[in-house]
mmCIF file of all heavy atoms, coordinates in Angstrom:
data_MODEL
# 
_entry.id   MODEL 
# 
loop_
_atom_site.group_PDB 
_atom_site.id 
_atom_site.type_symbol 
_atom_site.label_atom_id 
_atom_site.label_alt_id 
_atom_site.label_comp_id 
_atom_site.label_asym_id 
_atom_site.label_entity_id 
_atom_site.label_seq_id 
_atom_site.pdbx_PDB_ins_code 
_atom_site.Cartn_x 
_atom_site.Cartn_y 
_atom_site.Cartn_z 
_atom_site.occupancy 
_atom_site.B_iso_or_equiv 
_atom_site.pdbx_formal_charge 
_atom_site.auth_seq_id 
_atom_site.auth_comp_id 
_atom_site.auth_asym_id 
_atom_site.auth_atom_id 
_atom_site.pdbx_PDB_model_num 
ATOM 1   N N   . GLY A 1 1  ? 109.098 48.152 119.852 1.00 0.00 ? 1  GLY A N   1 
ATOM 2   C CA  . GLY A 1 1  ? 109.329 47.964 118.394 1.00 0.00 ? 1  GLY A CA  1 
ATOM 3   C C   . GLY A 1 1  ? 109.047 49.321 117.727 1.00 0.00 ? 1  GLY A C   1 
ATOM 4   O O   . GLY A 1 1  ? 108.074 50.052 118.064 1.00 0.00 ? 1  GLY A O   1 
ATOM 5   N N   . VAL A 1 2  ? 110.076 49.605 116.756 1.00 0.00 ? 2  VAL A N   1 
ATOM 6   C CA  . VAL A 1 2  ? 109.823 50.864 116.047 1.00 0.00 ? 2  VAL A CA  1 
ATOM 7   C C   . VAL A 1 2  ? 110.246 50.642 114.590 1.00 0.00 ? 2  VAL A C   1 
ATOM 8   O O   . VAL A 1 2  ? 111.135 49.954 114.241 1.00 0.00 ? 2  VAL A O   1 
ATOM 9   C CB  . VAL A 1 2  ? 110.755 52.043 116.652 1.00 0.00 ? 2  VAL A CB  1 
ATOM 10  C CG1 . VAL A 1 2  ? 110.269 52.530 118.036 1.00 0.00 ? 2  VAL A CG1 1 
ATOM 11  C CG2 . VAL A 1 2  ? 112.214 51.555 116.818 1.00 0.00 ? 2  VAL A CG2 1 
ATOM 12  N N   . ASP A 1 3  ? 109.315 51.300 113.748 1.00 0.00 ? 3  ASP A N   1 
ATOM 13  C CA  . ASP A 1 3  ? 109.661 51.330 112.316 1.00 0.00 ? 3  ASP A CA  1 
ATOM 14  C C   . ASP A 1 3  ? 110.637 52.472 111.969 1.00 0.00 ? 3  ASP A C   1 
ATOM 15  O O   . ASP A 1 3  ? 110.354 53.509 112.561 1.00 0.00 ? 3  ASP A O   1 
ATOM 16  C CB  . ASP A 1 3  ? 108.459 51.401 111.491 1.00 0.00 ? 3  ASP A CB  1 
ATOM 17  C CG  . ASP A 1 3  ? 108.665 51.059 110.090 1.00 0.00 ? 3  ASP A CG  1 
ATOM 18  O OD1 . ASP A 1 3  ? 109.643 50.457 109.714 1.00 0.00 ? 3  ASP A OD1 1 
ATOM 19  O OD2 . ASP A 1 3  ? 107.742 51.491 109.101 1.00 0.00 ? 3  ASP A OD2 1 
ATOM 20  N N   . LEU A 1 4  ? 111.630 52.144 111.211 1.00 0.00 ? 4  LEU A N   1 
ATOM 21  C CA  . LEU A 1 4  ? 112.623 53.181 110.946 1.00 0.00 ? 4  LEU A CA  1 
ATOM 22  C C   . LEU A 1 4  ? 112.386 53.993 109.672 1.00 0.00 ? 4  LEU A C   1 
ATOM 23  O O   . LEU A 1 4  ? 111.826 53.497 108.696 1.00 0.00 ? 4  LEU A O   1 
ATOM 24  C CB  . LEU A 1 4  ? 113.998 52.491 110.882 1.00 0.00 ? 4  LEU A CB  1 
ATOM 25  C CG  . LEU A 1 4  ? 114.390 51.680 112.128 1.00 0.00 ? 4  LEU A CG  1 
ATOM 26  C CD1 . LEU A 1 4  ? 115.786 51.027 111.841 1.00 0.00 ? 4  LEU A CD1 1 
ATOM 27  C CD2 . LEU A 1 4  ? 114.456 52.642 113.314 1.00 0.00 ? 4  LEU A CD2 1 
ATOM 28  N N   . VAL A 1 5  ? 112.790 55.276 109.690 1.00 0.00 ? 5  VAL A N   1 
ATOM 29  C CA  . VAL A 1 5  ? 112.782 56.071 108.466 1.00 0.00 ? 5  VAL A CA  1 
ATOM 30  C C   . VAL A 1 5  ? 113.598 55.547 107.371 1.00 0.00 ? 5  VAL A C   1 
ATOM 31  O O   . VAL A 1 5  ? 114.684 55.102 107.611 1.00 0.00 ? 5  VAL A O   1 
ATOM 32  C CB  . VAL A 1 5  ? 113.161 57.481 108.758 1.00 0.00 ? 5  VAL A CB  1 
ATOM 33  C CG1 . VAL A 1 5  ? 113.310 58.321 107.583 1.00 0.00 ? 5  VAL A CG1 1 
ATOM 34  C CG2 . VAL A 1 5  ? 112.307 58.118 109.835 1.00 0.00 ? 5  VAL A CG2 1 
ATOM 35  N N   . LYS A 1 6  ? 113.033 55.391 106.210 1.00 0.00 ? 6  LYS A N   1 
ATOM 36  C CA  . LYS A 1 6  ? 113.757 54.928 105.095 1.00 0.00 ? 6  LYS A CA  1 
ATOM 37  C C   . LYS A 1 6  ? 113.231 55.579 103.860 1.00 0.00 ? 6  LYS A C   1 
ATOM 38  O O   . LYS A 1 6  ? 112.499 56.563 103.941 1.00 0.00 ? 6  LYS A O   1 
ATOM 39  C CB  . LYS A 1 6  ? 113.519 53.382 105.024 1.00 0.00 ? 6  LYS A CB  1 
ATOM 40  C CG  . LYS A 1 6  ? 111.988 52.996 104.958 1.00 0.00 ? 6  LYS A CG  1 
ATOM 41  C CD  . LYS A 1 6  ? 111.775 51.524 105.043 1.00 0.00 ? 6  LYS A CD  1 
ATOM 42  C CE  . LYS A 1 6  ? 112.139 50.964 106.412 1.00 0.00 ? 6  LYS A CE  1 
ATOM 43  N NZ  . LYS A 1 6  ? 111.240 51.560 107.502 1.00 0.00 ? 6  LYS A NZ  1 
ATOM 44  N N   . ASP A 1 7  ? 113.421 55.101 102.684 1.00 0.00 ? 7  ASP A N   1 
ATOM 45  C CA  . ASP A 1 7  ? 113.087 55.745 101.392 1.00 0.00 ? 7  ASP A CA  1 
ATOM 46  C C   . ASP A 1 7  ? 111.611 55.755 101.329 1.00 0.00 ? 7  ASP A C   1 
ATOM 47  O O   . ASP A 1 7  ? 110.833 54.838 101.706 1.00 0.00 ? 7  ASP A O   1 
ATOM 48  C CB  . ASP A 1 7  ? 113.690 55.091 100.180 1.00 0.00 ? 7  ASP A CB  1 
ATOM 49  C CG  . ASP A 1 7  ? 113.091 53.672 99.933  1.00 0.00 ? 7  ASP A CG  1 
ATOM 50  O OD1 . ASP A 1 7  ? 113.612 52.799 100.580 1.00 0.00 ? 7  ASP A OD1 1 
ATOM 51  O OD2 . ASP A 1 7  ? 112.139 53.524 99.099  1.00 0.00 ? 7  ASP A OD2 1 
ATOM 52  N N   . VAL A 1 8  ? 111.070 56.867 100.822 1.00 0.00 ? 8  VAL A N   1 
ATOM 53  C CA  . VAL A 1 8  ? 109.522 57.154 100.862 1.00 0.00 ? 8  VAL A CA  1 
ATOM 54  C C   . VAL A 1 8  ? 108.832 56.147 100.049 1.00 0.00 ? 8  VAL A C   1 
ATOM 55  O O   . VAL A 1 8  ? 107.729 55.727 100.436 1.00 0.00 ? 8  VAL A O   1 
ATOM 56  C CB  . VAL A 1 8  ? 109.320 58.602 100.347 1.00 0.00 ? 8  VAL A CB  1 
ATOM 57  C CG1 . VAL A 1 8  ? 107.838 58.832 100.314 1.00 0.00 ? 8  VAL A CG1 1 
ATOM 58  C CG2 . VAL A 1 8  ? 109.900 59.609 101.232 1.00 0.00 ? 8  VAL A CG2 1 
ATOM 59  N N   . ASP A 1 9  ? 109.391 55.715 98.928  1.00 0.00 ? 9  ASP A N   1 
ATOM 60  C CA  . ASP A 1 9  ? 108.614 54.723 98.148  1.00 0.00 ? 9  ASP A CA  1 
ATOM 61  C C   . ASP A 1 9  ? 108.344 53.425 98.937  1.00 0.00 ? 9  ASP A C   1 
ATOM 62  O O   . ASP A 1 9  ? 107.248 52.835 98.771  1.00 0.00 ? 9  ASP A O   1 
ATOM 63  C CB  . ASP A 1 9  ? 109.392 54.390 96.813  1.00 0.00 ? 9  ASP A CB  1 
ATOM 64  C CG  . ASP A 1 9  ? 109.378 55.632 95.888  1.00 0.00 ? 9  ASP A CG  1 
ATOM 65  O OD1 . ASP A 1 9  ? 108.545 56.503 95.970  1.00 0.00 ? 9  ASP A OD1 1 
ATOM 66  O OD2 . ASP A 1 9  ? 110.215 55.568 94.901  1.00 0.00 ? 9  ASP A OD2 1 
ATOM 67  N N   . THR A 1 10 ? 109.302 52.904 99.682  1.00 0.00 ? 10 THR A N   1 
ATOM 68  C CA  . THR A 1 10 ? 109.141 51.698 100.364 1.00 0.00 ? 10 THR A CA  1 
ATOM 69  C C   . THR A 1 10 ? 108.071 51.932 101.435 1.00 0.00 ? 10 THR A C   1 
ATOM 70  O O   . THR A 1 10 ? 107.179 51.046 101.693 1.00 0.00 ? 10 THR A O   1 
ATOM 71  C CB  . THR A 1 10 ? 110.472 51.356 101.011 1.00 0.00 ? 10 THR A CB  1 
ATOM 72  O OG1 . THR A 1 10 ? 111.401 51.024 100.030 1.00 0.00 ? 10 THR A OG1 1 
ATOM 73  C CG2 . THR A 1 10 ? 110.310 50.148 101.983 1.00 0.00 ? 10 THR A CG2 1 
ATOM 74  N N   . MET A 1 11 ? 108.043 53.086 102.145 1.00 0.00 ? 11 MET A N   1 
ATOM 75  C CA  . MET A 1 11 ? 107.119 53.319 103.177 1.00 0.00 ? 11 MET A CA  1 
ATOM 76  C C   . MET A 1 11 ? 105.667 53.468 102.525 1.00 0.00 ? 11 MET A C   1 
ATOM 77  O O   . MET A 1 11 ? 104.673 53.012 103.181 1.00 0.00 ? 11 MET A O   1 
ATOM 78  C CB  . MET A 1 11 ? 107.524 54.594 104.012 1.00 0.00 ? 11 MET A CB  1 
ATOM 79  C CG  . MET A 1 11 ? 108.800 54.337 104.826 1.00 0.00 ? 11 MET A CG  1 
ATOM 80  S SD  . MET A 1 11 ? 109.230 55.718 105.997 1.00 0.00 ? 11 MET A SD  1 
ATOM 81  C CE  . MET A 1 11 ? 109.674 57.054 104.795 1.00 0.00 ? 11 MET A CE  1 
ATOM 82  N N   . VAL A 1 12 ? 105.519 54.251 101.535 1.00 0.00 ? 12 VAL A N   1 
ATOM 83  C CA  . VAL A 1 12 ? 104.316 54.344 100.948 1.00 0.00 ? 12 VAL A CA  1 
ATOM 84  C C   . VAL A 1 12 ? 103.677 53.064 100.404 1.00 0.00 ? 12 VAL A C   1 
ATOM 85  O O   . VAL A 1 12 ? 102.517 52.657 100.642 1.00 0.00 ? 12 VAL A O   1 
ATOM 86  C CB  . VAL A 1 12 ? 104.281 55.346 99.722  1.00 0.00 ? 12 VAL A CB  1 
ATOM 87  C CG1 . VAL A 1 12 ? 103.006 55.384 98.952  1.00 0.00 ? 12 VAL A CG1 1 
ATOM 88  C CG2 . VAL A 1 12 ? 104.601 56.750 100.254 1.00 0.00 ? 12 VAL A CG2 1 
ATOM 89  N N   . ALA A 1 13 ? 104.520 52.327 99.845  1.00 0.00 ? 13 ALA A N   1 
ATOM 90  C CA  . ALA A 1 13 ? 104.046 50.868 99.293  1.00 0.00 ? 13 ALA A CA  1 
ATOM 91  C C   . ALA A 1 13 ? 103.518 50.007 100.422 1.00 0.00 ? 13 ALA A C   1 
ATOM 92  O O   . ALA A 1 13 ? 102.668 49.190 100.299 1.00 0.00 ? 13 ALA A O   1 
ATOM 93  C CB  . ALA A 1 13 ? 105.127 50.191 98.574  1.00 0.00 ? 13 ALA A CB  1 
ATOM 94  N N   . ALA A 1 14 ? 104.120 50.120 101.644 1.00 0.00 ? 14 ALA A N   1 
ATOM 95  C CA  . ALA A 1 14 ? 103.707 49.345 102.716 1.00 0.00 ? 14 ALA A CA  1 
ATOM 96  C C   . ALA A 1 14 ? 102.313 49.734 103.260 1.00 0.00 ? 14 ALA A C   1 
ATOM 97  O O   . ALA A 1 14 ? 101.641 48.833 103.772 1.00 0.00 ? 14 ALA A O   1 
ATOM 98  C CB  . ALA A 1 14 ? 104.614 49.526 103.979 1.00 0.00 ? 14 ALA A CB  1 
ATOM 99  N N   . TYR A 1 15 ? 101.873 50.884 102.833 1.00 0.00 ? 15 TYR A N   1 
ATOM 100 C CA  . TYR A 1 15 ? 100.528 51.222 103.231 1.00 0.00 ? 15 TYR A CA  1 
ATOM 101 C C   . TYR A 1 15 ? 99.518  51.447 102.007 1.00 0.00 ? 15 TYR A C   1 
ATOM 102 O O   . TYR A 1 15 ? 98.489  52.078 102.122 1.00 0.00 ? 15 TYR A O   1 
ATOM 103 C CB  . TYR A 1 15 ? 100.545 52.589 104.049 1.00 0.00 ? 15 TYR A CB  1 
ATOM 104 C CG  . TYR A 1 15 ? 101.305 52.355 105.293 1.00 0.00 ? 15 TYR A CG  1 
ATOM 105 C CD1 . TYR A 1 15 ? 102.641 52.551 105.390 1.00 0.00 ? 15 TYR A CD1 1 
ATOM 106 C CD2 . TYR A 1 15 ? 100.601 51.986 106.505 1.00 0.00 ? 15 TYR A CD2 1 
ATOM 107 C CE1 . TYR A 1 15 ? 103.363 52.392 106.520 1.00 0.00 ? 15 TYR A CE1 1 
ATOM 108 C CE2 . TYR A 1 15 ? 101.386 51.791 107.664 1.00 0.00 ? 15 TYR A CE2 1 
ATOM 109 C CZ  . TYR A 1 15 ? 102.736 51.998 107.651 1.00 0.00 ? 15 TYR A CZ  1 
ATOM 110 O OH  . TYR A 1 15 ? 103.425 51.748 108.829 1.00 0.00 ? 15 TYR A OH  1 
ATOM 111 N N   . ASN A 1 16 ? 100.020 50.900 100.885 1.00 0.00 ? 16 ASN A N   1 
ATOM 112 C CA  . ASN A 1 16 ? 99.186  50.993 99.723  1.00 0.00 ? 16 ASN A CA  1 
ATOM 113 C C   . ASN A 1 16 ? 99.494  49.863 98.690  1.00 0.00 ? 16 ASN A C   1 
ATOM 114 O O   . ASN A 1 16 ? 100.030 50.035 97.654  1.00 0.00 ? 16 ASN A O   1 
ATOM 115 C CB  . ASN A 1 16 ? 99.471  52.380 98.927  1.00 0.00 ? 16 ASN A CB  1 
ATOM 116 C CG  . ASN A 1 16 ? 98.456  52.684 97.918  1.00 0.00 ? 16 ASN A CG  1 
ATOM 117 O OD1 . ASN A 1 16 ? 97.333  52.335 98.002  1.00 0.00 ? 16 ASN A OD1 1 
ATOM 118 N ND2 . ASN A 1 16 ? 98.933  53.327 96.771  1.00 0.00 ? 16 ASN A ND2 1 
ATOM 119 N N   . ASP A 1 17 ? 99.208  48.614 99.219  1.00 0.00 ? 17 ASP A N   1 
ATOM 120 C CA  . ASP A 1 17 ? 99.646  47.350 98.459  1.00 0.00 ? 17 ASP A CA  1 
ATOM 121 C C   . ASP A 1 17 ? 98.884  47.288 97.115  1.00 0.00 ? 17 ASP A C   1 
ATOM 122 O O   . ASP A 1 17 ? 97.798  47.841 96.893  1.00 0.00 ? 17 ASP A O   1 
ATOM 123 C CB  . ASP A 1 17 ? 99.346  46.156 99.321  1.00 0.00 ? 17 ASP A CB  1 
ATOM 124 C CG  . ASP A 1 17 ? 97.877  46.008 99.568  1.00 0.00 ? 17 ASP A CG  1 
ATOM 125 O OD1 . ASP A 1 17 ? 97.306  46.649 100.456 1.00 0.00 ? 17 ASP A OD1 1 
ATOM 126 O OD2 . ASP A 1 17 ? 97.186  45.232 98.800  1.00 0.00 ? 17 ASP A OD2 1 
ATOM 127 N N   . SER A 1 18 ? 99.487  46.590 96.283  1.00 0.00 ? 18 SER A N   1 
ATOM 128 C CA  . SER A 1 18 ? 99.047  46.544 94.910  1.00 0.00 ? 18 SER A CA  1 
ATOM 129 C C   . SER A 1 18 ? 97.658  45.627 94.849  1.00 0.00 ? 18 SER A C   1 
ATOM 130 O O   . SER A 1 18 ? 96.971  45.862 93.766  1.00 0.00 ? 18 SER A O   1 
ATOM 131 C CB  . SER A 1 18 ? 99.987  45.726 93.933  1.00 0.00 ? 18 SER A CB  1 
ATOM 132 O OG  . SER A 1 18 ? 100.368 44.432 94.537  1.00 0.00 ? 18 SER A OG  1 
ATOM 133 N N   . THR A 1 19 ? 97.374  44.854 95.816  1.00 0.00 ? 19 THR A N   1 
ATOM 134 C CA  . THR A 1 19 ? 96.049  44.107 95.689  1.00 0.00 ? 19 THR A CA  1 
ATOM 135 C C   . THR A 1 19 ? 94.890  44.825 96.396  1.00 0.00 ? 19 THR A C   1 
ATOM 136 O O   . THR A 1 19 ? 93.836  44.337 96.272  1.00 0.00 ? 19 THR A O   1 
ATOM 137 C CB  . THR A 1 19 ? 96.246  42.693 96.399  1.00 0.00 ? 19 THR A CB  1 
ATOM 138 O OG1 . THR A 1 19 ? 96.744  42.922 97.764  1.00 0.00 ? 19 THR A OG1 1 
ATOM 139 C CG2 . THR A 1 19 ? 97.389  41.943 95.732  1.00 0.00 ? 19 THR A CG2 1 
ATOM 140 N N   . GLY A 1 20 ? 95.126  45.943 97.008  1.00 0.00 ? 20 GLY A N   1 
ATOM 141 C CA  . GLY A 1 20 ? 94.080  46.686 97.561  1.00 0.00 ? 20 GLY A CA  1 
ATOM 142 C C   . GLY A 1 20 ? 93.512  46.261 98.995  1.00 0.00 ? 20 GLY A C   1 
ATOM 143 O O   . GLY A 1 20 ? 92.562  46.714 99.428  1.00 0.00 ? 20 GLY A O   1 
ATOM 144 N N   . VAL A 1 21 ? 94.271  45.455 99.615  1.00 0.00 ? 21 VAL A N   1 
ATOM 145 C CA  . VAL A 1 21 ? 93.901  44.991 100.956 1.00 0.00 ? 21 VAL A CA  1 
ATOM 146 C C   . VAL A 1 21 ? 93.880  46.212 102.006 1.00 0.00 ? 21 VAL A C   1 
ATOM 147 O O   . VAL A 1 21 ? 93.058  46.247 102.760 1.00 0.00 ? 21 VAL A O   1 
ATOM 148 C CB  . VAL A 1 21 ? 94.784  43.861 101.476 1.00 0.00 ? 21 VAL A CB  1 
ATOM 149 C CG1 . VAL A 1 21 ? 94.346  43.354 102.954 1.00 0.00 ? 21 VAL A CG1 1 
ATOM 150 C CG2 . VAL A 1 21 ? 94.663  42.644 100.511 1.00 0.00 ? 21 VAL A CG2 1 
ATOM 151 N N   . THR A 1 22 ? 94.893  46.981 101.855 1.00 0.00 ? 22 THR A N   1 
ATOM 152 C CA  . THR A 1 22 ? 95.033  48.155 102.855 1.00 0.00 ? 22 THR A CA  1 
ATOM 153 C C   . THR A 1 22 ? 93.986  49.119 102.594 1.00 0.00 ? 22 THR A C   1 
ATOM 154 O O   . THR A 1 22 ? 93.455  49.665 103.474 1.00 0.00 ? 22 THR A O   1 
ATOM 155 C CB  . THR A 1 22 ? 96.437  48.801 102.669 1.00 0.00 ? 22 THR A CB  1 
ATOM 156 O OG1 . THR A 1 22 ? 97.486  47.833 102.734 1.00 0.00 ? 22 THR A OG1 1 
ATOM 157 C CG2 . THR A 1 22 ? 96.696  49.784 103.768 1.00 0.00 ? 22 THR A CG2 1 
ATOM 158 N N   . ALA A 1 23 ? 93.567  49.192 101.349 1.00 0.00 ? 23 ALA A N   1 
ATOM 159 C CA  . ALA A 1 23 ? 92.468  50.204 101.004 1.00 0.00 ? 23 ALA A CA  1 
ATOM 160 C C   . ALA A 1 23 ? 91.167  49.660 101.594 1.00 0.00 ? 23 ALA A C   1 
ATOM 161 O O   . ALA A 1 23 ? 90.352  50.446 102.202 1.00 0.00 ? 23 ALA A O   1 
ATOM 162 C CB  . ALA A 1 23 ? 92.305  50.339 99.472  1.00 0.00 ? 23 ALA A CB  1 
ATOM 163 N N   . GLU A 1 24 ? 90.862  48.325 101.546 1.00 0.00 ? 24 GLU A N   1 
ATOM 164 C CA  . GLU A 1 24 ? 89.753  47.827 102.124 1.00 0.00 ? 24 GLU A CA  1 
ATOM 165 C C   . GLU A 1 24 ? 89.736  47.922 103.698 1.00 0.00 ? 24 GLU A C   1 
ATOM 166 O O   . GLU A 1 24 ? 88.703  48.171 104.356 1.00 0.00 ? 24 GLU A O   1 
ATOM 167 C CB  . GLU A 1 24 ? 89.615  46.346 101.780 1.00 0.00 ? 24 GLU A CB  1 
ATOM 168 C CG  . GLU A 1 24 ? 89.100  46.151 100.341 1.00 0.00 ? 24 GLU A CG  1 
ATOM 169 C CD  . GLU A 1 24 ? 87.785  46.745 100.161 1.00 0.00 ? 24 GLU A CD  1 
ATOM 170 O OE1 . GLU A 1 24 ? 86.799  46.441 100.988 1.00 0.00 ? 24 GLU A OE1 1 
ATOM 171 O OE2 . GLU A 1 24 ? 87.610  47.522 99.244  1.00 0.00 ? 24 GLU A OE2 1 
ATOM 172 N N   . PHE A 1 25 ? 90.926  47.760 104.292 1.00 0.00 ? 25 PHE A N   1 
ATOM 173 C CA  . PHE A 1 25 ? 91.140  47.956 105.759 1.00 0.00 ? 25 PHE A CA  1 
ATOM 174 C C   . PHE A 1 25 ? 90.726  49.296 106.173 1.00 0.00 ? 25 PHE A C   1 
ATOM 175 O O   . PHE A 1 25 ? 90.060  49.521 107.125 1.00 0.00 ? 25 PHE A O   1 
ATOM 176 C CB  . PHE A 1 25 ? 92.601  47.642 106.081 1.00 0.00 ? 25 PHE A CB  1 
ATOM 177 C CG  . PHE A 1 25 ? 92.911  47.886 107.460 1.00 0.00 ? 25 PHE A CG  1 
ATOM 178 C CD1 . PHE A 1 25 ? 92.447  47.079 108.467 1.00 0.00 ? 25 PHE A CD1 1 
ATOM 179 C CD2 . PHE A 1 25 ? 93.755  48.911 107.870 1.00 0.00 ? 25 PHE A CD2 1 
ATOM 180 C CE1 . PHE A 1 25 ? 92.761  47.334 109.845 1.00 0.00 ? 25 PHE A CE1 1 
ATOM 181 C CE2 . PHE A 1 25 ? 94.132  49.208 109.167 1.00 0.00 ? 25 PHE A CE2 1 
ATOM 182 C CZ  . PHE A 1 25 ? 93.641  48.359 110.207 1.00 0.00 ? 25 PHE A CZ  1 
ATOM 183 N N   . THR A 1 26 ? 91.274  50.316 105.457 1.00 0.00 ? 26 THR A N   1 
ATOM 184 C CA  . THR A 1 26 ? 90.971  51.803 105.720 1.00 0.00 ? 26 THR A CA  1 
ATOM 185 C C   . THR A 1 26 ? 89.496  52.066 105.642 1.00 0.00 ? 26 THR A C   1 
ATOM 186 O O   . THR A 1 26 ? 88.968  52.640 106.543 1.00 0.00 ? 26 THR A O   1 
ATOM 187 C CB  . THR A 1 26 ? 91.832  52.689 104.891 1.00 0.00 ? 26 THR A CB  1 
ATOM 188 O OG1 . THR A 1 26 ? 93.220  52.321 105.012 1.00 0.00 ? 26 THR A OG1 1 
ATOM 189 C CG2 . THR A 1 26 ? 91.565  54.144 105.340 1.00 0.00 ? 26 THR A CG2 1 
# 
């Protein structure tokens, strides 16, 4: 399984969700 290069905004959002769950994970 590989994630593909795409527009930067979509990739950044996937690792910085609006609810802050990813921040808590990090």
